[in-house]
Amino acid sequence: MAAPTPGAGGASGGAGCSGVGAGSGSGSAGIGGRLPSRVLELVFSYLELSELRSCALVCKHWYRCLHGDENSEVWRSLCARSLAEEALRTDILCNLPSYKAKVRAFQHAFSTNDCSRNVYIKKNGFTLHRNPIAQSTDGARTKIGFSEGRHAWEVWWEGPLGTVAVIGIATKRAPMQCQGYVALLGSDDQSWGWNLVDNNLLHNGEVNGSFPQCNNAPKYQIGERIRVILDMEDKTLAFERGYEFLGVAFRGLPKACLYPAVSAVYGNTEVTLVYLGKPLDG
């Protein structure tokens, strides 16, 4: 079984492909390095994420002040400024243990600039809404992809699935819109998907078998959270449902930047994706 390590890793800034996080700073910060942690925390609480990342590289004292407590005033303040009130007061982020984890999840949420023209990202920052457009399949990628490391995120549908509802991963080259009602994720060699409607695994335009591999596999229920585990070390993609490990769906993934992605066909349906961080086996 895989579960997220609480607060593992640092929050990433900007869009693109994420690698291994930077280590703590080792230089001297002069008089700043001797300031009490409480004073530094107060100063840091006014800074934005990109500035905090730079501060963490100044010296070990500053790094420990920033990352020692993931529920500190620094992360609480940044969380309040960065995330929509709806995301903080509902159960969207209920499986994230700290303010820092919530900030990181927002950095890894759906991209408003890398999705079909027929969808939009709601004000909560985590939920995709597909407009009722006929004869179109529409998808979205996250802001940040992964070329190394191990990562977990949750996805769930908050409306009807329709004939096709696919979750998985895609490179930057995979299309996020096409004509007709098709399994967009998995339609070419740039994406890999699991169709929750018929339980088929899809890649390169072909069905790679059913998933999970068991007799009478239960159908997806609306609102049920599916956990996706991407392992760029072993080059695998696996899934969990209700903390039950369903198995590895895809092996031999390429050494490329891979993005969490979804594709949908049903009008006015909604899909939420929340990045959890590094999975923990056990």
C-alpha atoms as a PDB file:
ATOM      1  CA  MET A   1       0.000   0.000   0.000  1.00  0.00           C
ATOM      2  CA  ALA A   2       1.190   3.535  -0.626  1.00  0.00           C
ATOM      3  CA  ALA A   3       0.389   6.642   1.356  1.00  0.00           C
ATOM      4  CA  PRO A   4       1.844  10.143   1.293  1.00  0.00           C
ATOM      5  CA  THR A   5       4.630  11.066   3.623  1.00  0.00           C
ATOM      6  CA  PRO A   6       3.299  14.054   5.588  1.00  0.00           C
ATOM      7  CA  GLY A   7       4.923  17.184   4.228  1.00  0.00           C
ATOM      8  CA  ALA A   8       7.601  15.331   2.256  1.00  0.00           C
ATOM      9  CA  GLY A   9       9.634  17.529  -0.061  1.00  0.00           C
ATOM     10  CA  GLY A  10       9.503  21.256  -0.592  1.00  0.00           C
ATOM     11  CA  ALA A  11       6.883  23.280  -2.398  1.00  0.00           C
ATOM     12  CA  SER A  12       7.879  23.915  -5.991  1.00  0.00           C
ATOM     13  CA  GLY A  13       7.429  27.269  -7.658  1.00  0.00           C
ATOM     14  CA  GLY A  14       6.412  27.925 -11.239  1.00  0.00           C
ATOM     15  CA  ALA A  15       5.303  25.567 -13.992  1.00  0.00           C
ATOM     16  CA  GLY A  16       7.410  22.947 -15.693  1.00  0.00           C
ATOM     17  CA  CYS A  17       9.108  19.685 -14.808  1.00  0.00           C
ATOM     18  CA  SER A  18      10.098  19.000 -11.216  1.00  0.00           C
ATOM     19  CA  GLY A  19      13.261  17.103 -10.272  1.00  0.00           C
ATOM     20  CA  VAL A  20      14.909  16.471  -6.916  1.00  0.00           C
ATOM     21  CA  GLY A  21      14.430  19.380  -4.497  1.00  0.00           C
ATOM     22  CA  ALA A  22      17.318  21.640  -3.573  1.00  0.00           C
ATOM     23  CA  GLY A  23      19.226  20.938  -0.405  1.00  0.00           C
ATOM     24  CA  SER A  24      19.714  23.264   2.504  1.00  0.00           C
ATOM     25  CA  GLY A  25      21.990  26.247   2.159  1.00  0.00           C
ATOM     26  CA  SER A  26      25.506  25.973   3.517  1.00  0.00           C
ATOM     27  CA  GLY A  27      26.765  29.532   3.252  1.00  0.00           C
ATOM     28  CA  SER A  28      26.881  32.250   5.880  1.00  0.00           C
ATOM     29  CA  ALA A  29      24.074  34.777   6.183  1.00  0.00           C
ATOM     30  CA  GLY A  30      26.126  37.208   8.290  1.00  0.00           C
ATOM     31  CA  ILE A  31      24.090  38.939  10.971  1.00  0.00           C
ATOM     32  CA  GLY A  32      20.923  37.474   9.428  1.00  0.00           C
ATOM     33  CA  GLY A  33      22.184  34.034  10.333  1.00  0.00           C
ATOM     34  CA  ARG A  34      22.169  35.007  14.006  1.00  0.00           C
ATOM     35  CA  LEU A  35      18.645  36.399  14.131  1.00  0.00           C
ATOM     36  CA  PRO A  36      16.255  34.486  16.412  1.00  0.00           C
ATOM     37  CA  SER A  37      13.982  32.042  14.635  1.00  0.00           C
ATOM     38  CA  ARG A  38      10.883  33.931  15.808  1.00  0.00           C
ATOM     39  CA  VAL A  39      12.122  37.122  14.132  1.00  0.00           C
ATOM     40  CA  LEU A  40      12.966  35.292  10.926  1.00  0.00           C
ATOM     41  CA  GLU A  41       9.576  33.600  10.929  1.00  0.00           C
ATOM     42  CA  LEU A  42       7.855  36.973  11.205  1.00  0.00           C
ATOM     43  CA  VAL A  43       9.867  38.363   8.275  1.00  0.00           C
ATOM     44  CA  PHE A  44       9.411  35.239   6.171  1.00  0.00           C
ATOM     45  CA  SER A  45       5.637  35.306   6.692  1.00  0.00           C
ATOM     46  CA  TYR A  46       5.441  38.352   4.375  1.00  0.00           C
ATOM     47  CA  LEU A  47       7.361  36.730   1.500  1.00  0.00           C
ATOM     48  CA  GLU A  48       6.098  34.865  -1.550  1.00  0.00           C
ATOM     49  CA  LEU A  49       7.077  31.295  -2.421  1.00  0.00           C
ATOM     50  CA  SER A  50       9.848  32.176  -4.884  1.00  0.00           C
ATOM     51  CA  GLU A  51      11.424  34.438  -2.275  1.00  0.00           C
ATOM     52  CA  LEU A  52      11.158  31.759   0.406  1.00  0.00           C
ATOM     53  CA  ARG A  53      12.921  29.283  -1.847  1.00  0.00           C
ATOM     54  CA  SER A  54      15.804  31.726  -2.222  1.00  0.00           C
ATOM     55  CA  CYS A  55      15.916  32.333   1.527  1.00  0.00           C
ATOM     56  CA  ALA A  56      16.162  28.594   2.194  1.00  0.00           C
ATOM     57  CA  LEU A  57      19.452  28.556   0.284  1.00  0.00           C
ATOM     58  CA  VAL A  58      21.101  31.321   2.330  1.00  0.00           C
ATOM     59  CA  CYS A  59      22.229  29.232   5.316  1.00  0.00           C
ATOM     60  CA  LYS A  60      21.283  26.213   7.400  1.00  0.00           C
ATOM     61  CA  HIS A  61      19.686  28.387  10.090  1.00  0.00           C
ATOM     62  CA  TRP A  62      17.304  29.965   7.586  1.00  0.00           C
ATOM     63  CA  TYR A  63      16.573  26.579   6.012  1.00  0.00           C
ATOM     64  CA  ARG A  64      15.693  25.032   9.373  1.00  0.00           C
ATOM     65  CA  CYS A  65      13.519  28.014  10.242  1.00  0.00           C
ATOM     66  CA  LEU A  66      11.547  27.582   7.016  1.00  0.00           C
ATOM     67  CA  HIS A  67      11.251  23.810   6.887  1.00  0.00           C
ATOM     68  CA  GLY A  68      11.396  22.765  10.534  1.00  0.00           C
ATOM     69  CA  ASP A  69       7.698  23.377  11.143  1.00  0.00           C
ATOM     70  CA  GLU A  70       5.335  22.848   8.210  1.00  0.00           C
ATOM     71  CA  ASN A  71       2.504  24.506  10.159  1.00  0.00           C
ATOM     72  CA  SER A  72       4.480  27.598  11.106  1.00  0.00           C
ATOM     73  CA  GLU A  73       3.194  31.132  10.638  1.00  0.00           C
ATOM     74  CA  VAL A  74       5.273  31.324   7.444  1.00  0.00           C
ATOM     75  CA  TRP A  75       3.324  28.550   5.723  1.00  0.00           C
ATOM     76  CA  ARG A  76      -0.016  29.492   7.312  1.00  0.00           C
ATOM     77  CA  SER A  77       0.304  33.020   5.984  1.00  0.00           C
ATOM     78  CA  LEU A  78       1.402  31.920   2.510  1.00  0.00           C
ATOM     79  CA  CYS A  79      -1.409  29.367   2.412  1.00  0.00           C
ATOM     80  CA  ALA A  80      -3.993  32.020   3.291  1.00  0.00           C
ATOM     81  CA  ARG A  81      -2.676  34.349   0.565  1.00  0.00           C
ATOM     82  CA  SER A  82      -2.254  31.728  -2.171  1.00  0.00           C
ATOM     83  CA  LEU A  83      -5.237  29.405  -1.839  1.00  0.00           C
ATOM     84  CA  ALA A  84      -8.896  30.188  -2.315  1.00  0.00           C
ATOM     85  CA  GLU A  85     -11.054  30.224   0.810  1.00  0.00           C
ATOM     86  CA  GLU A  86     -13.243  27.496  -0.692  1.00  0.00           C
ATOM     87  CA  ALA A  87     -10.281  25.120  -0.925  1.00  0.00           C
ATOM     88  CA  LEU A  88      -9.375  25.724   2.724  1.00  0.00           C
ATOM     89  CA  ARG A  89     -12.847  25.439   4.263  1.00  0.00           C
ATOM     90  CA  THR A  90     -14.054  22.349   2.355  1.00  0.00           C
ATOM     91  CA  ASP A  91     -12.699  18.791   2.476  1.00  0.00           C
ATOM     92  CA  ILE A  92     -10.793  19.071  -0.818  1.00  0.00           C
ATOM     93  CA  LEU A  93      -7.460  19.175   1.036  1.00  0.00           C
ATOM     94  CA  CYS A  94      -8.499  16.963   3.957  1.00  0.00           C
ATOM     95  CA  ASN A  95      -5.703  14.452   3.346  1.00  0.00           C
ATOM     96  CA  LEU A  96      -2.958  17.073   3.519  1.00  0.00           C
ATOM     97  CA  PRO A  97      -1.458  17.342   7.022  1.00  0.00           C
ATOM     98  CA  SER A  98       0.102  20.811   6.942  1.00  0.00           C
ATOM     99  CA  TYR A  99      -0.082  24.317   5.511  1.00  0.00           C
ATOM    100  CA  LYS A 100       3.107  23.672   3.589  1.00  0.00           C
ATOM    101  CA  ALA A 101       1.583  20.569   1.986  1.00  0.00           C
ATOM    102  CA  LYS A 102      -1.459  22.613   0.937  1.00  0.00           C
ATOM    103  CA  VAL A 103       0.748  25.260  -0.688  1.00  0.00           C
ATOM    104  CA  ARG A 104       2.675  22.548  -2.503  1.00  0.00           C
ATOM    105  CA  ALA A 105      -0.564  20.932  -3.709  1.00  0.00           C
ATOM    106  CA  PHE A 106      -1.680  24.242  -5.187  1.00  0.00           C
ATOM    107  CA  GLN A 107       1.632  24.545  -7.046  1.00  0.00           C
ATOM    108  CA  HIS A 108       0.946  21.099  -8.572  1.00  0.00           C
ATOM    109  CA  ALA A 109      -2.740  21.662  -9.387  1.00  0.00           C
ATOM    110  CA  PHE A 110      -4.351  21.777 -12.848  1.00  0.00           C
ATOM    111  CA  SER A 111      -2.888  24.401 -15.150  1.00  0.00           C
ATOM    112  CA  THR A 112      -5.283  27.056 -16.425  1.00  0.00           C
ATOM    113  CA  ASN A 113      -3.022  27.438 -19.482  1.00  0.00           C
ATOM    114  CA  ASP A 114      -2.585  23.772 -20.379  1.00  0.00           C
ATOM    115  CA  CYS A 115      -6.088  22.418 -20.850  1.00  0.00           C
ATOM    116  CA  SER A 116      -8.774  22.138 -23.480  1.00  0.00           C
ATOM    117  CA  ARG A 117     -10.593  25.350 -24.397  1.00  0.00           C
ATOM    118  CA  ASN A 118     -13.789  23.557 -23.363  1.00  0.00           C
ATOM    119  CA  VAL A 119     -12.847  23.303 -19.690  1.00  0.00           C
ATOM    120  CA  TYR A 120     -11.997  25.786 -16.984  1.00  0.00           C
ATOM    121  CA  ILE A 121     -10.438  25.525 -13.534  1.00  0.00           C
ATOM    122  CA  LYS A 122     -12.826  26.588 -10.778  1.00  0.00           C
ATOM    123  CA  LYS A 123     -11.991  29.275  -8.239  1.00  0.00           C
ATOM    124  CA  ASN A 124     -10.926  26.676  -5.671  1.00  0.00           C
ATOM    125  CA  GLY A 125      -7.875  26.065  -7.873  1.00  0.00           C
ATOM    126  CA  PHE A 126      -8.148  22.249  -7.862  1.00  0.00           C
ATOM    127  CA  THR A 127     -11.334  21.358  -9.752  1.00  0.00           C
ATOM    128  CA  LEU A 128     -11.830  21.144 -13.511  1.00  0.00           C
ATOM    129  CA  HIS A 129     -15.273  21.879 -14.984  1.00  0.00           C
ATOM    130  CA  ARG A 130     -16.080  20.629 -18.476  1.00  0.00           C
ATOM    131  CA  ASN A 131     -18.510  22.762 -20.437  1.00  0.00           C
ATOM    132  CA  PRO A 132     -21.379  20.965 -22.264  1.00  0.00           C
ATOM    133  CA  ILE A 133     -19.780  20.879 -25.715  1.00  0.00           C
ATOM    134  CA  ALA A 134     -21.055  18.199 -28.106  1.00  0.00           C
ATOM    135  CA  GLN A 135     -18.720  15.750 -29.838  1.00  0.00           C
ATOM    136  CA  SER A 136     -15.586  16.776 -27.971  1.00  0.00           C
ATOM    137  CA  THR A 137     -13.227  15.084 -25.532  1.00  0.00           C
ATOM    138  CA  ASP A 138     -11.422  17.486 -23.233  1.00  0.00           C
ATOM    139  CA  GLY A 139      -8.495  17.159 -20.868  1.00  0.00           C
ATOM    140  CA  ALA A 140      -6.071  19.018 -18.647  1.00  0.00           C
ATOM    141  CA  ARG A 141      -2.536  18.657 -17.349  1.00  0.00           C
ATOM    142  CA  THR A 142      -1.074  19.910 -14.090  1.00  0.00           C
ATOM    143  CA  LYS A 143       1.282  22.859 -13.799  1.00  0.00           C
ATOM    144  CA  ILE A 144       4.282  20.709 -12.908  1.00  0.00           C
ATOM    145  CA  GLY A 145       5.439  17.362 -14.299  1.00  0.00           C
ATOM    146  CA  PHE A 146       7.983  14.864 -13.008  1.00  0.00           C
ATOM    147  CA  SER A 147      11.135  13.392 -14.531  1.00  0.00           C
ATOM    148  CA  GLU A 148      12.448  11.735 -11.373  1.00  0.00           C
ATOM    149  CA  GLY A 149      11.405  10.785  -7.864  1.00  0.00           C
ATOM    150  CA  ARG A 150       8.205   9.196  -6.560  1.00  0.00           C
ATOM    151  CA  HIS A 151       4.913  11.086  -6.420  1.00  0.00           C
ATOM    152  CA  ALA A 152       1.295  10.540  -5.380  1.00  0.00           C
ATOM    153  CA  TRP A 153      -1.909  12.449  -6.067  1.00  0.00           C
ATOM    154  CA  GLU A 154      -5.651  11.936  -5.669  1.00  0.00           C
ATOM    155  CA  VAL A 155      -8.272  12.288  -8.404  1.00  0.00           C
ATOM    156  CA  TRP A 156     -12.052  12.065  -8.146  1.00  0.00           C
ATOM    157  CA  TRP A 157     -15.069  12.758 -10.340  1.00  0.00           C
ATOM    158  CA  GLU A 158     -17.804  14.990  -8.895  1.00  0.00           C
ATOM    159  CA  GLY A 159     -20.283  14.429 -11.674  1.00  0.00           C
ATOM    160  CA  PRO A 160     -21.335  11.771 -14.219  1.00  0.00           C
ATOM    161  CA  LEU A 161     -18.546   9.894 -16.013  1.00  0.00           C
ATOM    162  CA  GLY A 162     -20.277   9.617 -19.380  1.00  0.00           C
ATOM    163  CA  THR A 163     -18.928   7.055 -21.829  1.00  0.00           C
ATOM    164  CA  VAL A 164     -15.256   7.844 -21.175  1.00  0.00           C
ATOM    165  CA  ALA A 165     -13.501   9.144 -18.042  1.00  0.00           C
ATOM    166  CA  VAL A 166      -9.738   8.666 -17.998  1.00  0.00           C
ATOM    167  CA  ILE A 167      -7.072   9.397 -15.380  1.00  0.00           C
ATOM    168  CA  GLY A 168      -3.343   8.992 -15.861  1.00  0.00           C
ATOM    169  CA  ILE A 169      -0.260  10.805 -17.110  1.00  0.00           C
ATOM    170  CA  ALA A 170       0.858  12.588 -20.255  1.00  0.00           C
ATOM    171  CA  THR A 171       3.893  14.279 -21.708  1.00  0.00           C
ATOM    172  CA  LYS A 172       3.732  17.903 -22.786  1.00  0.00           C
ATOM    173  CA  ARG A 173       3.214  16.733 -26.394  1.00  0.00           C
ATOM    174  CA  ALA A 174      -0.017  14.833 -25.721  1.00  0.00           C
ATOM    175  CA  PRO A 175      -3.151  16.646 -27.002  1.00  0.00           C
ATOM    176  CA  MET A 176      -5.715  17.869 -24.490  1.00  0.00           C
ATOM    177  CA  GLN A 177      -8.674  18.073 -26.904  1.00  0.00           C
ATOM    178  CA  CYS A 178     -10.027  16.056 -29.812  1.00  0.00           C
ATOM    179  CA  GLN A 179     -13.245  15.559 -31.757  1.00  0.00           C
ATOM    180  CA  GLY A 180     -15.742  12.891 -30.714  1.00  0.00           C
ATOM    181  CA  TYR A 181     -16.083  10.986 -27.470  1.00  0.00           C
ATOM    182  CA  VAL A 182     -12.876   8.980 -27.120  1.00  0.00           C
ATOM    183  CA  ALA A 183     -10.303   7.954 -24.541  1.00  0.00           C
ATOM    184  CA  LEU A 184      -8.009  10.926 -25.111  1.00  0.00           C
ATOM    185  CA  LEU A 185      -5.453   9.866 -22.503  1.00  0.00           C
ATOM    186  CA  GLY A 186      -3.835   6.766 -23.963  1.00  0.00           C
ATOM    187  CA  SER A 187      -4.787   7.613 -27.550  1.00  0.00           C
ATOM    188  CA  ASP A 188      -1.131   8.012 -28.584  1.00  0.00           C
ATOM    189  CA  ASP A 189       2.389   7.156 -27.411  1.00  0.00           C
ATOM    190  CA  GLN A 190       2.535  10.335 -25.300  1.00  0.00           C
ATOM    191  CA  SER A 191      -0.042   9.380 -22.663  1.00  0.00           C
ATOM    192  CA  TRP A 192      -1.127   6.515 -20.414  1.00  0.00           C
ATOM    193  CA  GLY A 193      -4.613   6.217 -18.934  1.00  0.00           C
ATOM    194  CA  TRP A 194      -7.120   4.144 -16.989  1.00  0.00           C
ATOM    195  CA  ASN A 195     -10.710   4.494 -18.207  1.00  0.00           C
ATOM    196  CA  LEU A 196     -12.875   4.394 -15.080  1.00  0.00           C
ATOM    197  CA  VAL A 197     -15.981   3.534 -17.129  1.00  0.00           C
ATOM    198  CA  ASP A 198     -14.881   0.169 -18.547  1.00  0.00           C
ATOM    199  CA  ASN A 199     -11.695  -0.416 -16.455  1.00  0.00           C
ATOM    200  CA  ASN A 200      -9.493  -0.579 -19.548  1.00  0.00           C
ATOM    201  CA  LEU A 201      -5.838   0.503 -19.561  1.00  0.00           C
ATOM    202  CA  LEU A 202      -4.945   2.597 -22.603  1.00  0.00           C
ATOM    203  CA  HIS A 203      -1.696   3.539 -24.325  1.00  0.00           C
ATOM    204  CA  ASN A 204      -0.672   4.272 -27.910  1.00  0.00           C
ATOM    205  CA  GLY A 205      -4.265   3.918 -29.065  1.00  0.00           C
ATOM    206  CA  GLU A 206      -4.552   0.356 -27.797  1.00  0.00           C
ATOM    207  CA  VAL A 207      -6.222  -1.391 -24.869  1.00  0.00           C
ATOM    208  CA  ASN A 208      -3.524  -2.861 -22.613  1.00  0.00           C
ATOM    209  CA  GLY A 209      -5.876  -5.099 -20.669  1.00  0.00           C
ATOM    210  CA  SER A 210      -8.360  -4.520 -17.870  1.00  0.00           C
ATOM    211  CA  PHE A 211      -7.546  -3.047 -14.468  1.00  0.00           C
ATOM    212  CA  PRO A 212      -7.495  -4.013 -11.693  1.00  0.00           C
ATOM    213  CA  GLN A 213      -6.719  -7.587 -12.655  1.00  0.00           C
ATOM    214  CA  CYS A 214      -9.358  -9.374 -10.620  1.00  0.00           C
ATOM    215  CA  ASN A 215     -12.701 -10.998 -11.200  1.00  0.00           C
ATOM    216  CA  ASN A 216     -15.737  -8.704 -11.101  1.00  0.00           C
ATOM    217  CA  ALA A 217     -13.727  -5.549 -10.391  1.00  0.00           C
ATOM    218  CA  PRO A 218     -16.034  -2.934  -8.860  1.00  0.00           C
ATOM    219  CA  LYS A 219     -17.060   0.028 -10.958  1.00  0.00           C
ATOM    220  CA  TYR A 220     -15.962   3.511 -10.004  1.00  0.00           C
ATOM    221  CA  GLN A 221     -18.387   5.405  -7.756  1.00  0.00           C
ATOM    222  CA  ILE A 222     -18.780   9.173  -8.135  1.00  0.00           C
ATOM    223  CA  GLY A 223     -16.885  10.967  -5.394  1.00  0.00           C
ATOM    224  CA  GLU A 224     -14.538   8.052  -4.749  1.00  0.00           C
ATOM    225  CA  ARG A 225     -10.926   9.174  -4.443  1.00  0.00           C
ATOM    226  CA  ILE A 226      -8.407   7.284  -6.569  1.00  0.00           C
ATOM    227  CA  ARG A 227      -4.787   7.618  -5.544  1.00  0.00           C
ATOM    228  CA  VAL A 228      -2.237   7.613  -8.374  1.00  0.00           C
ATOM    229  CA  ILE A 229       1.387   6.668  -7.683  1.00  0.00           C
ATOM    230  CA  LEU A 230       4.067   7.599 -10.221  1.00  0.00           C
ATOM    231  CA  ASP A 231       7.494   6.050  -9.644  1.00  0.00           C
ATOM    232  CA  MET A 232      10.072   7.565 -11.983  1.00  0.00           C
ATOM    233  CA  GLU A 233      12.792   5.417 -10.416  1.00  0.00           C
ATOM    234  CA  ASP A 234      11.094   2.122 -11.366  1.00  0.00           C
ATOM    235  CA  LYS A 235       9.274   3.751 -14.319  1.00  0.00           C
ATOM    236  CA  THR A 236       5.835   2.557 -13.166  1.00  0.00           C
ATOM    237  CA  LEU A 237       2.335   3.950 -12.674  1.00  0.00           C
ATOM    238  CA  ALA A 238       0.083   2.366 -10.041  1.00  0.00           C
ATOM    239  CA  PHE A 239      -3.326   3.059  -8.480  1.00  0.00           C
ATOM    240  CA  GLU A 240      -5.024   2.767  -5.086  1.00  0.00           C
ATOM    241  CA  ARG A 241      -8.678   2.930  -4.105  1.00  0.00           C
ATOM    242  CA  GLY A 242      -9.646   3.510  -0.476  1.00  0.00           C
ATOM    243  CA  TYR A 243      -6.051   2.797   0.577  1.00  0.00           C
ATOM    244  CA  GLU A 244      -6.244  -0.588  -1.150  1.00  0.00           C
ATOM    245  CA  PHE A 245      -3.327  -1.020  -3.523  1.00  0.00           C
ATOM    246  CA  LEU A 246      -4.778  -2.100  -6.871  1.00  0.00           C
ATOM    247  CA  GLY A 247      -1.458  -2.901  -8.499  1.00  0.00           C
ATOM    248  CA  VAL A 248       0.911  -1.535 -11.113  1.00  0.00           C
ATOM    249  CA  ALA A 249      -0.944  -0.500 -14.261  1.00  0.00           C
ATOM    250  CA  PHE A 250       1.948   0.543 -16.485  1.00  0.00           C
ATOM    251  CA  ARG A 251       5.636  -0.398 -16.569  1.00  0.00           C
ATOM    252  CA  GLY A 252       8.549   0.790 -18.664  1.00  0.00           C
ATOM    253  CA  LEU A 253       7.586   4.455 -18.672  1.00  0.00           C
ATOM    254  CA  PRO A 254       9.995   6.654 -20.646  1.00  0.00           C
ATOM    255  CA  LYS A 255      12.657   8.896 -19.150  1.00  0.00           C
ATOM    256  CA  ALA A 256      10.644  12.041 -19.831  1.00  0.00           C
ATOM    257  CA  CYS A 257       8.735  14.731 -17.990  1.00  0.00           C
ATOM    258  CA  LEU A 258       5.329  13.228 -17.174  1.00  0.00           C
ATOM    259  CA  TYR A 259       2.336  15.244 -15.982  1.00  0.00           C
ATOM    260  CA  PRO A 260      -0.730  14.112 -14.034  1.00  0.00           C
ATOM    261  CA  ALA A 261      -3.679  14.439 -16.426  1.00  0.00           C
ATOM    262  CA  VAL A 262      -7.363  13.612 -16.974  1.00  0.00           C
ATOM    263  CA  SER A 263      -9.795  13.594 -19.878  1.00  0.00           C
ATOM    264  CA  ALA A 264     -13.602  13.834 -19.781  1.00  0.00           C
ATOM    265  CA  VAL A 265     -16.590  13.882 -22.139  1.00  0.00           C
ATOM    266  CA  TYR A 266     -19.704  14.524 -20.017  1.00  0.00           C
ATOM    267  CA  GLY A 267     -21.086  18.056 -20.035  1.00  0.00           C
ATOM    268  CA  ASN A 268     -20.848  19.981 -16.741  1.00  0.00           C
ATOM    269  CA  THR A 269     -19.001  17.154 -15.027  1.00  0.00           C
ATOM    270  CA  GLU A 270     -16.199  18.103 -12.633  1.00  0.00           C
ATOM    271  CA  VAL A 271     -12.897  16.462 -11.739  1.00  0.00           C
ATOM    272  CA  THR A 272     -10.673  17.342  -8.781  1.00  0.00           C
ATOM    273  CA  LEU A 273      -6.948  16.563  -8.526  1.00  0.00           C
ATOM    274  CA  VAL A 274      -4.827  17.083  -5.389  1.00  0.00           C
ATOM    275  CA  TYR A 275      -1.093  16.422  -5.227  1.00  0.00           C
ATOM    276  CA  LEU A 276      -0.089  14.586  -2.044  1.00  0.00           C
ATOM    277  CA  GLY A 277       3.690  14.405  -2.216  1.00  0.00           C
ATOM    278  CA  LYS A 278       6.030  11.458  -1.907  1.00  0.00           C
ATOM    279  CA  PRO A 279       4.322   8.078  -1.340  1.00  0.00           C
ATOM    280  CA  LEU A 280       5.329   5.829   1.531  1.00  0.00           C
ATOM    281  CA  ASP A 281       5.247   2.078   1.006  1.00  0.00           C
ATOM    282  CA  GLY A 282       3.982  -0.077   3.783  1.00  0.00           C
END
